[in-house]
């Protein structure tokens, strides 16, 4: 009798690996393969829209402002990514024992709203630029627009759940082993200055938030790469 085959675990992006290390895996060994998962995520209406984007007539290229150049948008993407990274580092540096896990979750939600707005705007501008190019670029812009609409709700729910996972990890790490042994005169109590969270915990927070940021920028990086289809590689003549 043939034995059932088991897919080997996929390492996945840094966000998945970080969550698994912290004890909050998003994937299990029996998770469906990507094609099957996409079949569950994309409903009938979105599937029809995707088929049209793949094979149908392309819509007219949108009118774009004269200032919407490849160089300008690339610089805007780089500035946005740098600004979001700085915001993550600032959040981590501000973590001390005057804050609790619930406050971390609230501040993380604020970061997420800013990233969502920023990446959505940049992704749209990159599609506008691609639509001005040849048929392949215009087709890619159309497909990306449909895929964003189809997958955005699920992506939002999954990434929104990160705040609760991060807060649970922080709460478990910060909780004293025995509440009765807490020293009211220890650093960080009302009678002394606040002390930073443990370095290992702050590193965990930083790693997870930066991995989330990089995941949000993956579509942007793909669209940026599509704007340079003929960029010479390191071994080009």
Foldseek 3Di string as FASTA:
>chain_A
DDDDDFDDDDCDFLLQVLCVVLVRHPDDSPDDDPVVVVVVLFDPVLVVLLVCLQDNDFDQQDDDDPCLDLVVLVVLVVVLLVVLLVLLVVLLVPAWLVDALVVQLVSLVVSVVSLVVSLVVSLLSLLSVQCPDDPVSVSVSSNVVSVCVRCVVVVCVVVNCVSVSLSVSRNVQPDDPDVVPDDCPDACHPVHDIGHDDPVSSVSSSSNSSSVSVVSCVSVVVSSVVVCVPDDDPPRD
